[in-house]
């Protein structure tokens, strides 16, 4: 929610809209008519991404713990360097 003639809030809303638009643009390029099905993914992405203003993700600020990423758990070591970096 934002109020009119309050530039600080309008700027925050516009920045959020830019981020969500960029995520959806990258995600739905093959099927643009199904963009609404990606909104929950976009919300999860935004809330679990590091924010410099907070120094953490919004999820961490709200719940005081790091988010799990779709059930992916630490599987240990990998011999593939890129996979090890990702883990």
C-alpha atoms as a PDB file:
ATOM      1  CA  UNK A   1       0.000   0.000   0.000  1.00  0.00           C
ATOM      2  CA  UNK A   2       1.282   3.442  -0.824  1.00  0.00           C
ATOM      3  CA  UNK A   3      -0.146   6.892  -0.437  1.00  0.00           C
ATOM      4  CA  UNK A   4      -0.167   9.612  -3.060  1.00  0.00           C
ATOM      5  CA  UNK A   5       2.386  12.424  -2.836  1.00  0.00           C
ATOM      6  CA  UNK A   6       4.753  10.324  -0.766  1.00  0.00           C
ATOM      7  CA  UNK A   7       7.813   9.872  -3.006  1.00  0.00           C
ATOM      8  CA  UNK A   8       9.684   7.516  -0.682  1.00  0.00           C
ATOM      9  CA  UNK A   9       6.908   4.944  -0.800  1.00  0.00           C
ATOM     10  CA  UNK A  10       6.359   5.415  -4.504  1.00  0.00           C
ATOM     11  CA  UNK A  11      10.040   4.747  -5.157  1.00  0.00           C
ATOM     12  CA  UNK A  12       9.974   1.555  -3.114  1.00  0.00           C
ATOM     13  CA  UNK A  13       6.869   0.341  -4.916  1.00  0.00           C
ATOM     14  CA  UNK A  14       8.378   1.125  -8.302  1.00  0.00           C
ATOM     15  CA  UNK A  15      11.589  -0.736  -7.451  1.00  0.00           C
ATOM     16  CA  UNK A  16       9.625  -3.792  -6.342  1.00  0.00           C
ATOM     17  CA  UNK A  17       7.607  -3.659  -9.561  1.00  0.00           C
ATOM     18  CA  UNK A  18      10.828  -3.484 -11.605  1.00  0.00           C
ATOM     19  CA  UNK A  19      12.221  -6.558  -9.863  1.00  0.00           C
ATOM     20  CA  UNK A  20       9.036  -8.590 -10.322  1.00  0.00           C
ATOM     21  CA  UNK A  21       8.749  -7.512 -13.970  1.00  0.00           C
ATOM     22  CA  UNK A  22      12.339  -8.588 -14.646  1.00  0.00           C
ATOM     23  CA  UNK A  23      11.768 -11.975 -12.996  1.00  0.00           C
ATOM     24  CA  UNK A  24       8.551 -12.576 -14.936  1.00  0.00           C
ATOM     25  CA  UNK A  25      10.127 -11.421 -18.197  1.00  0.00           C
ATOM     26  CA  UNK A  26      12.880 -14.015 -17.797  1.00  0.00           C
ATOM     27  CA  UNK A  27      10.538 -16.755 -16.603  1.00  0.00           C
ATOM     28  CA  UNK A  28       7.583 -16.559 -18.959  1.00  0.00           C
ATOM     29  CA  UNK A  29       9.175 -15.703 -22.294  1.00  0.00           C
ATOM     30  CA  UNK A  30       8.017 -19.023 -23.785  1.00  0.00           C
ATOM     31  CA  UNK A  31       4.411 -18.756 -22.572  1.00  0.00           C
ATOM     32  CA  UNK A  32       3.581 -15.112 -21.834  1.00  0.00           C
ATOM     33  CA  UNK A  33      -0.136 -15.813 -21.348  1.00  0.00           C
ATOM     34  CA  UNK A  34       0.614 -17.879 -18.235  1.00  0.00           C
ATOM     35  CA  UNK A  35       2.448 -15.152 -16.295  1.00  0.00           C
ATOM     36  CA  UNK A  36       0.005 -15.337 -13.375  1.00  0.00           C
ATOM     37  CA  UNK A  37       1.085 -18.926 -12.668  1.00  0.00           C
ATOM     38  CA  UNK A  38       4.610 -17.628 -11.958  1.00  0.00           C
ATOM     39  CA  UNK A  39       3.615 -15.035  -9.341  1.00  0.00           C
ATOM     40  CA  UNK A  40       4.125 -17.334  -6.361  1.00  0.00           C
ATOM     41  CA  UNK A  41       7.625 -18.186  -7.656  1.00  0.00           C
ATOM     42  CA  UNK A  42       8.351 -14.478  -8.129  1.00  0.00           C
ATOM     43  CA  UNK A  43       7.223 -13.760  -4.571  1.00  0.00           C
ATOM     44  CA  UNK A  44       9.417 -16.538  -3.186  1.00  0.00           C
ATOM     45  CA  UNK A  45      12.393 -15.309  -5.228  1.00  0.00           C
ATOM     46  CA  UNK A  46      11.990 -11.723  -4.041  1.00  0.00           C
ATOM     47  CA  UNK A  47      11.529 -12.656  -0.381  1.00  0.00           C
ATOM     48  CA  UNK A  48      14.544 -14.989  -0.302  1.00  0.00           C
ATOM     49  CA  UNK A  49      16.952 -12.690  -2.172  1.00  0.00           C
ATOM     50  CA  UNK A  50      19.568 -10.665  -0.290  1.00  0.00           C
ATOM     51  CA  UNK A  51      18.602  -6.990   0.121  1.00  0.00           C
ATOM     52  CA  UNK A  52      21.381  -4.499   0.783  1.00  0.00           C
ATOM     53  CA  UNK A  53      19.088  -2.192   2.775  1.00  0.00           C
ATOM     54  CA  UNK A  54      18.325  -5.014   5.219  1.00  0.00           C
ATOM     55  CA  UNK A  55      21.653  -6.800   5.094  1.00  0.00           C
ATOM     56  CA  UNK A  56      19.624 -10.004   4.807  1.00  0.00           C
ATOM     57  CA  UNK A  57      16.693 -11.376   2.862  1.00  0.00           C
ATOM     58  CA  UNK A  58      13.193 -10.296   3.919  1.00  0.00           C
ATOM     59  CA  UNK A  59      12.543 -13.934   4.856  1.00  0.00           C
ATOM     60  CA  UNK A  60      15.478 -13.927   7.281  1.00  0.00           C
ATOM     61  CA  UNK A  61      14.333 -10.663   8.842  1.00  0.00           C
ATOM     62  CA  UNK A  62      10.807 -11.951   9.359  1.00  0.00           C
ATOM     63  CA  UNK A  63      11.507 -15.516  10.485  1.00  0.00           C
ATOM     64  CA  UNK A  64      15.059 -15.156  11.935  1.00  0.00           C
ATOM     65  CA  UNK A  65      16.380 -18.114   9.946  1.00  0.00           C
ATOM     66  CA  UNK A  66      17.632 -18.788   6.448  1.00  0.00           C
ATOM     67  CA  UNK A  67      15.025 -19.983   3.946  1.00  0.00           C
ATOM     68  CA  UNK A  68      15.032 -23.465   2.483  1.00  0.00           C
ATOM     69  CA  UNK A  69      15.136 -23.486  -1.277  1.00  0.00           C
ATOM     70  CA  UNK A  70      12.401 -25.790  -2.531  1.00  0.00           C
ATOM     71  CA  UNK A  71      13.464 -28.739  -0.430  1.00  0.00           C
ATOM     72  CA  UNK A  72      17.078 -28.731  -1.602  1.00  0.00           C
ATOM     73  CA  UNK A  73      19.302 -29.794   1.247  1.00  0.00           C
ATOM     74  CA  UNK A  74      23.065 -29.919   1.526  1.00  0.00           C
ATOM     75  CA  UNK A  75      24.035 -33.164  -0.159  1.00  0.00           C
ATOM     76  CA  UNK A  76      27.665 -33.057   0.913  1.00  0.00           C
ATOM     77  CA  UNK A  77      30.613 -32.941  -1.442  1.00  0.00           C
ATOM     78  CA  UNK A  78      30.683 -33.122  -5.220  1.00  0.00           C
ATOM     79  CA  UNK A  79      33.572 -33.802  -7.591  1.00  0.00           C
ATOM     80  CA  UNK A  80      32.234 -31.292 -10.129  1.00  0.00           C
ATOM     81  CA  UNK A  81      33.579 -27.824  -9.191  1.00  0.00           C
ATOM     82  CA  UNK A  82      30.520 -25.895 -10.417  1.00  0.00           C
ATOM     83  CA  UNK A  83      28.145 -28.181  -8.524  1.00  0.00           C
ATOM     84  CA  UNK A  84      30.279 -27.885  -5.389  1.00  0.00           C
ATOM     85  CA  UNK A  85      30.172 -24.084  -5.660  1.00  0.00           C
ATOM     86  CA  UNK A  86      26.385 -24.205  -6.040  1.00  0.00           C
ATOM     87  CA  UNK A  87      26.007 -26.525  -3.046  1.00  0.00           C
END
